[in-house]
N, C-alpha and C. Protein backbone atom coordinates (compact mmCIF):
# COMPACT_ATOMS: atom_id res chain seq x y z
N ALA A 1 43.23 25.95 -14.04
CA ALA A 1 44.64 25.76 -13.76
C ALA A 1 45.47 26.02 -15.00
N ASN A 2 46.65 26.56 -14.81
CA ASN A 2 47.44 26.82 -16.01
C ASN A 2 48.29 25.60 -16.39
N CYS A 3 49.05 25.74 -17.46
CA CYS A 3 49.73 24.57 -18.05
C CYS A 3 50.76 23.94 -17.12
N LEU A 4 51.21 24.62 -16.11
CA LEU A 4 52.15 24.00 -15.15
C LEU A 4 51.43 23.48 -13.91
N ASP A 5 50.56 24.30 -13.36
CA ASP A 5 49.85 23.91 -12.14
C ASP A 5 49.14 22.57 -12.26
N ARG A 6 48.54 22.35 -13.41
CA ARG A 6 47.76 21.14 -13.59
C ARG A 6 48.60 19.87 -13.52
N HIS A 7 49.90 19.97 -13.67
CA HIS A 7 50.78 18.79 -13.67
C HIS A 7 51.59 18.64 -12.37
N LEU A 8 51.51 19.59 -11.47
CA LEU A 8 52.36 19.55 -10.28
C LEU A 8 52.12 18.31 -9.42
N GLU A 9 50.89 17.97 -9.19
CA GLU A 9 50.58 16.86 -8.29
C GLU A 9 51.04 15.51 -8.84
N THR A 10 50.80 15.26 -10.12
CA THR A 10 51.13 13.93 -10.67
C THR A 10 52.47 13.87 -11.39
N ARG A 11 52.96 15.01 -11.86
CA ARG A 11 54.20 15.02 -12.64
C ARG A 11 55.23 16.00 -12.14
N GLY A 12 55.08 16.47 -10.93
CA GLY A 12 55.95 17.52 -10.38
C GLY A 12 57.42 17.25 -10.52
N ASP A 13 57.83 16.01 -10.37
CA ASP A 13 59.26 15.67 -10.41
C ASP A 13 59.70 15.14 -11.77
N LYS A 14 58.83 15.20 -12.75
CA LYS A 14 59.19 14.76 -14.10
C LYS A 14 59.66 15.95 -14.93
N VAL A 15 60.46 15.67 -15.93
CA VAL A 15 61.01 16.74 -16.77
C VAL A 15 59.91 17.38 -17.58
N ALA A 16 59.86 18.72 -17.49
CA ALA A 16 58.86 19.51 -18.23
C ALA A 16 59.52 20.25 -19.39
N LEU A 17 60.82 20.56 -19.25
CA LEU A 17 61.51 21.38 -20.23
C LEU A 17 62.95 20.91 -20.37
N ILE A 18 63.37 20.75 -21.62
CA ILE A 18 64.77 20.46 -21.90
C ILE A 18 65.29 21.58 -22.77
N TRP A 19 66.25 22.33 -22.24
CA TRP A 19 66.84 23.44 -22.97
C TRP A 19 68.20 23.00 -23.47
N GLU A 20 68.48 23.27 -24.73
CA GLU A 20 69.78 22.94 -25.31
C GLU A 20 70.42 24.21 -25.86
N GLY A 21 71.62 24.47 -25.40
CA GLY A 21 72.35 25.65 -25.85
C GLY A 21 73.05 25.41 -27.18
N ASP A 22 73.81 26.39 -27.60
CA ASP A 22 74.50 26.31 -28.88
C ASP A 22 75.70 25.36 -28.86
N GLU A 23 76.31 25.23 -27.70
CA GLU A 23 77.49 24.37 -27.58
C GLU A 23 77.07 22.92 -27.32
N PRO A 24 77.79 21.96 -27.88
CA PRO A 24 77.48 20.56 -27.61
C PRO A 24 77.57 20.26 -26.11
N GLY A 25 76.60 19.51 -25.63
CA GLY A 25 76.57 19.15 -24.21
C GLY A 25 76.00 20.22 -23.30
N MET A 26 75.62 21.35 -23.86
CA MET A 26 75.05 22.44 -23.06
C MET A 26 73.56 22.21 -22.97
N THR A 27 73.16 21.41 -21.97
CA THR A 27 71.75 21.02 -21.80
C THR A 27 71.33 21.24 -20.35
N HIS A 28 70.08 21.68 -20.19
CA HIS A 28 69.52 21.87 -18.86
C HIS A 28 68.11 21.30 -18.84
N LYS A 29 67.83 20.45 -17.87
CA LYS A 29 66.50 19.87 -17.72
C LYS A 29 65.83 20.44 -16.48
N MET A 30 64.57 20.78 -16.61
CA MET A 30 63.81 21.32 -15.48
C MET A 30 62.54 20.49 -15.27
N THR A 31 62.25 20.22 -14.03
CA THR A 31 61.01 19.50 -13.72
C THR A 31 59.84 20.49 -13.73
N TYR A 32 58.63 19.98 -13.72
CA TYR A 32 57.45 20.82 -13.65
C TYR A 32 57.51 21.72 -12.40
N ARG A 33 57.96 21.16 -11.29
CA ARG A 33 58.01 21.92 -10.05
C ARG A 33 59.05 23.05 -10.15
N GLN A 34 60.20 22.74 -10.67
CA GLN A 34 61.24 23.78 -10.83
C GLN A 34 60.79 24.88 -11.78
N LEU A 35 60.18 24.48 -12.88
CA LEU A 35 59.71 25.45 -13.87
C LEU A 35 58.59 26.30 -13.27
N HIS A 36 57.69 25.66 -12.54
CA HIS A 36 56.60 26.39 -11.87
C HIS A 36 57.15 27.45 -10.93
N THR A 37 58.14 27.09 -10.14
CA THR A 37 58.75 28.03 -9.21
C THR A 37 59.37 29.22 -9.94
N ALA A 38 60.13 28.93 -11.00
CA ALA A 38 60.77 30.01 -11.76
C ALA A 38 59.75 30.93 -12.43
N VAL A 39 58.70 30.34 -12.98
CA VAL A 39 57.66 31.11 -13.66
C VAL A 39 56.88 31.99 -12.66
N CYS A 40 56.58 31.44 -11.50
CA CYS A 40 55.86 32.21 -10.49
C CYS A 40 56.70 33.40 -10.01
N LYS A 41 58.00 33.19 -9.83
CA LYS A 41 58.89 34.30 -9.45
C LYS A 41 58.88 35.37 -10.51
N PHE A 42 58.98 34.97 -11.78
CA PHE A 42 59.01 35.91 -12.89
C PHE A 42 57.67 36.65 -12.96
N ALA A 43 56.57 35.95 -12.79
CA ALA A 43 55.25 36.58 -12.81
C ALA A 43 55.11 37.62 -11.71
N ASN A 44 55.63 37.31 -10.52
CA ASN A 44 55.57 38.25 -9.41
C ASN A 44 56.36 39.53 -9.71
N VAL A 45 57.51 39.36 -10.35
CA VAL A 45 58.31 40.54 -10.75
C VAL A 45 57.52 41.38 -11.75
N LEU A 46 56.92 40.74 -12.74
CA LEU A 46 56.14 41.49 -13.72
C LEU A 46 54.99 42.24 -13.04
N LYS A 47 54.30 41.58 -12.11
CA LYS A 47 53.20 42.25 -11.43
C LYS A 47 53.69 43.44 -10.61
N LYS A 48 54.84 43.31 -9.97
CA LYS A 48 55.40 44.42 -9.19
C LYS A 48 55.79 45.59 -10.11
N LEU A 49 56.11 45.30 -11.36
CA LEU A 49 56.46 46.33 -12.32
C LEU A 49 55.20 46.94 -12.97
N GLY A 50 54.06 46.40 -12.63
CA GLY A 50 52.79 46.99 -13.11
C GLY A 50 52.12 46.26 -14.25
N VAL A 51 52.64 45.09 -14.66
CA VAL A 51 52.00 44.35 -15.73
C VAL A 51 50.68 43.76 -15.20
N GLN A 52 49.62 43.95 -15.96
CA GLN A 52 48.30 43.46 -15.56
C GLN A 52 47.68 42.62 -16.65
N LYS A 53 46.61 41.94 -16.29
CA LYS A 53 45.87 41.12 -17.25
C LYS A 53 45.45 42.00 -18.43
N GLY A 54 45.69 41.50 -19.64
CA GLY A 54 45.33 42.21 -20.85
C GLY A 54 46.43 43.10 -21.40
N ASP A 55 47.45 43.43 -20.58
CA ASP A 55 48.55 44.25 -21.09
C ASP A 55 49.33 43.48 -22.16
N ARG A 56 49.94 44.21 -23.05
CA ARG A 56 50.77 43.61 -24.08
C ARG A 56 52.23 43.78 -23.70
N VAL A 57 52.97 42.68 -23.78
CA VAL A 57 54.36 42.65 -23.37
C VAL A 57 55.19 42.10 -24.54
N THR A 58 56.24 42.83 -24.89
CA THR A 58 57.15 42.36 -25.95
C THR A 58 58.35 41.70 -25.27
N ILE A 59 58.71 40.53 -25.76
CA ILE A 59 59.86 39.78 -25.24
C ILE A 59 60.93 39.78 -26.31
N TYR A 60 62.07 40.42 -26.01
CA TYR A 60 63.19 40.57 -26.94
C TYR A 60 64.42 39.98 -26.28
N MET A 61 64.56 38.66 -26.39
CA MET A 61 65.61 37.93 -25.70
C MET A 61 66.17 36.86 -26.60
N PRO A 62 67.41 36.44 -26.32
CA PRO A 62 67.93 35.27 -27.05
C PRO A 62 67.21 34.00 -26.58
N MET A 63 67.52 32.90 -27.20
CA MET A 63 66.88 31.62 -26.85
C MET A 63 67.51 31.05 -25.57
N ILE A 64 67.10 31.63 -24.45
CA ILE A 64 67.60 31.22 -23.14
C ILE A 64 66.40 30.80 -22.28
N LEU A 65 66.68 30.14 -21.16
CA LEU A 65 65.60 29.68 -20.29
C LEU A 65 64.67 30.81 -19.86
N GLU A 66 65.25 31.98 -19.58
CA GLU A 66 64.46 33.09 -19.08
C GLU A 66 63.41 33.56 -20.10
N ALA A 67 63.64 33.33 -21.38
CA ALA A 67 62.63 33.66 -22.39
C ALA A 67 61.37 32.80 -22.18
N THR A 68 61.59 31.53 -21.86
CA THR A 68 60.47 30.64 -21.57
C THR A 68 59.74 31.09 -20.31
N TYR A 69 60.51 31.45 -19.27
CA TYR A 69 59.90 31.93 -18.04
C TYR A 69 59.03 33.18 -18.33
N ALA A 70 59.55 34.06 -19.16
CA ALA A 70 58.83 35.29 -19.49
C ALA A 70 57.51 34.99 -20.20
N MET A 71 57.54 34.09 -21.17
CA MET A 71 56.34 33.74 -21.91
C MET A 71 55.28 33.12 -20.98
N LEU A 72 55.71 32.17 -20.17
CA LEU A 72 54.79 31.47 -19.28
C LEU A 72 54.29 32.41 -18.15
N ALA A 73 55.16 33.32 -17.72
CA ALA A 73 54.75 34.28 -16.69
C ALA A 73 53.67 35.23 -17.22
N CYS A 74 53.82 35.67 -18.45
CA CYS A 74 52.80 36.52 -19.07
C CYS A 74 51.48 35.77 -19.13
N ALA A 75 51.52 34.53 -19.57
CA ALA A 75 50.30 33.72 -19.67
C ALA A 75 49.68 33.56 -18.29
N ARG A 76 50.52 33.37 -17.30
CA ARG A 76 50.04 33.14 -15.93
C ARG A 76 49.23 34.32 -15.40
N ILE A 77 49.66 35.55 -15.72
CA ILE A 77 48.96 36.73 -15.22
C ILE A 77 47.95 37.28 -16.22
N GLY A 78 47.85 36.65 -17.37
CA GLY A 78 46.86 37.08 -18.36
C GLY A 78 47.31 38.18 -19.27
N ALA A 79 48.62 38.41 -19.33
CA ALA A 79 49.15 39.41 -20.25
C ALA A 79 49.40 38.74 -21.61
N VAL A 80 49.29 39.51 -22.64
CA VAL A 80 49.54 39.01 -23.99
C VAL A 80 51.01 39.24 -24.29
N HIS A 81 51.69 38.21 -24.78
CA HIS A 81 53.12 38.41 -25.10
C HIS A 81 53.37 38.29 -26.59
N SER A 82 54.35 39.05 -27.03
CA SER A 82 54.81 39.02 -28.42
C SER A 82 56.31 38.80 -28.39
N VAL A 83 56.77 37.71 -28.99
CA VAL A 83 58.19 37.39 -28.98
C VAL A 83 58.81 37.97 -30.26
N VAL A 84 59.86 38.76 -30.09
CA VAL A 84 60.58 39.33 -31.22
C VAL A 84 61.97 38.72 -31.23
N PHE A 85 62.38 38.21 -32.38
CA PHE A 85 63.70 37.59 -32.56
C PHE A 85 64.78 38.53 -32.06
N GLY A 86 65.66 38.01 -31.22
CA GLY A 86 66.72 38.81 -30.60
C GLY A 86 67.74 39.38 -31.56
N GLY A 87 67.75 38.92 -32.81
CA GLY A 87 68.69 39.45 -33.79
C GLY A 87 68.17 40.60 -34.59
N PHE A 88 66.93 41.01 -34.37
CA PHE A 88 66.36 42.13 -35.11
C PHE A 88 67.01 43.45 -34.70
N SER A 89 67.04 44.37 -35.62
CA SER A 89 67.61 45.69 -35.37
C SER A 89 66.70 46.49 -34.44
N PRO A 90 67.27 47.55 -33.83
CA PRO A 90 66.42 48.40 -32.96
C PRO A 90 65.19 48.96 -33.71
N GLU A 91 65.38 49.29 -34.97
CA GLU A 91 64.26 49.82 -35.76
C GLU A 91 63.17 48.78 -35.97
N ALA A 92 63.58 47.54 -36.25
CA ALA A 92 62.60 46.46 -36.43
C ALA A 92 61.87 46.17 -35.13
N LEU A 93 62.61 46.19 -34.03
CA LEU A 93 62.00 45.99 -32.71
C LEU A 93 60.99 47.10 -32.42
N ALA A 94 61.39 48.34 -32.66
CA ALA A 94 60.50 49.49 -32.40
C ALA A 94 59.21 49.36 -33.20
N GLY A 95 59.32 48.92 -34.44
CA GLY A 95 58.14 48.77 -35.27
C GLY A 95 57.19 47.72 -34.72
N ARG A 96 57.72 46.65 -34.21
CA ARG A 96 56.88 45.58 -33.63
C ARG A 96 56.25 46.02 -32.33
N ILE A 97 56.98 46.78 -31.54
CA ILE A 97 56.43 47.28 -30.28
C ILE A 97 55.25 48.23 -30.58
N THR A 98 55.45 49.09 -31.58
CA THR A 98 54.41 50.02 -31.99
C THR A 98 53.20 49.28 -32.54
N ASP A 99 53.45 48.32 -33.41
CA ASP A 99 52.33 47.58 -34.06
C ASP A 99 51.45 46.87 -33.05
N CYS A 100 52.05 46.28 -32.02
CA CYS A 100 51.24 45.53 -31.04
C CYS A 100 50.82 46.38 -29.84
N GLU A 101 51.25 47.66 -29.86
CA GLU A 101 50.91 48.58 -28.77
C GLU A 101 51.34 48.04 -27.42
N SER A 102 52.56 47.53 -27.40
CA SER A 102 53.12 46.94 -26.16
C SER A 102 53.38 48.00 -25.11
N LYS A 103 53.05 47.69 -23.87
CA LYS A 103 53.30 48.57 -22.73
C LYS A 103 54.63 48.28 -22.05
N PHE A 104 55.11 47.05 -22.23
CA PHE A 104 56.31 46.61 -21.54
C PHE A 104 57.24 45.87 -22.49
N LEU A 105 58.53 45.98 -22.23
CA LEU A 105 59.55 45.28 -23.01
C LEU A 105 60.45 44.50 -22.05
N ILE A 106 60.58 43.21 -22.31
CA ILE A 106 61.48 42.38 -21.52
C ILE A 106 62.70 42.07 -22.37
N THR A 107 63.88 42.41 -21.85
CA THR A 107 65.13 42.14 -22.58
C THR A 107 66.07 41.34 -21.73
């Protein structure tokens, strides 16, 4: 079982993730069940796009909830993910994609 599935039965309605934005009071809490649903949807999209177990995926996103979904979705389907800081230049991003031989880029 993966890191979310194993908690659904006993902790499904408990908070699994607290996201805090840059602005004061900008907070979002997600339960294990809500996070599981979002991650499964993201994983299904990745699979439809051709991502398979063992593929390398680069994630180039700001610190938003969807970045977490992307990381957990990759883990769920067995893809390796590499997170690149969203403030890096296109050249720095290209270098990291090349270095890890990434097949997919999530932005």
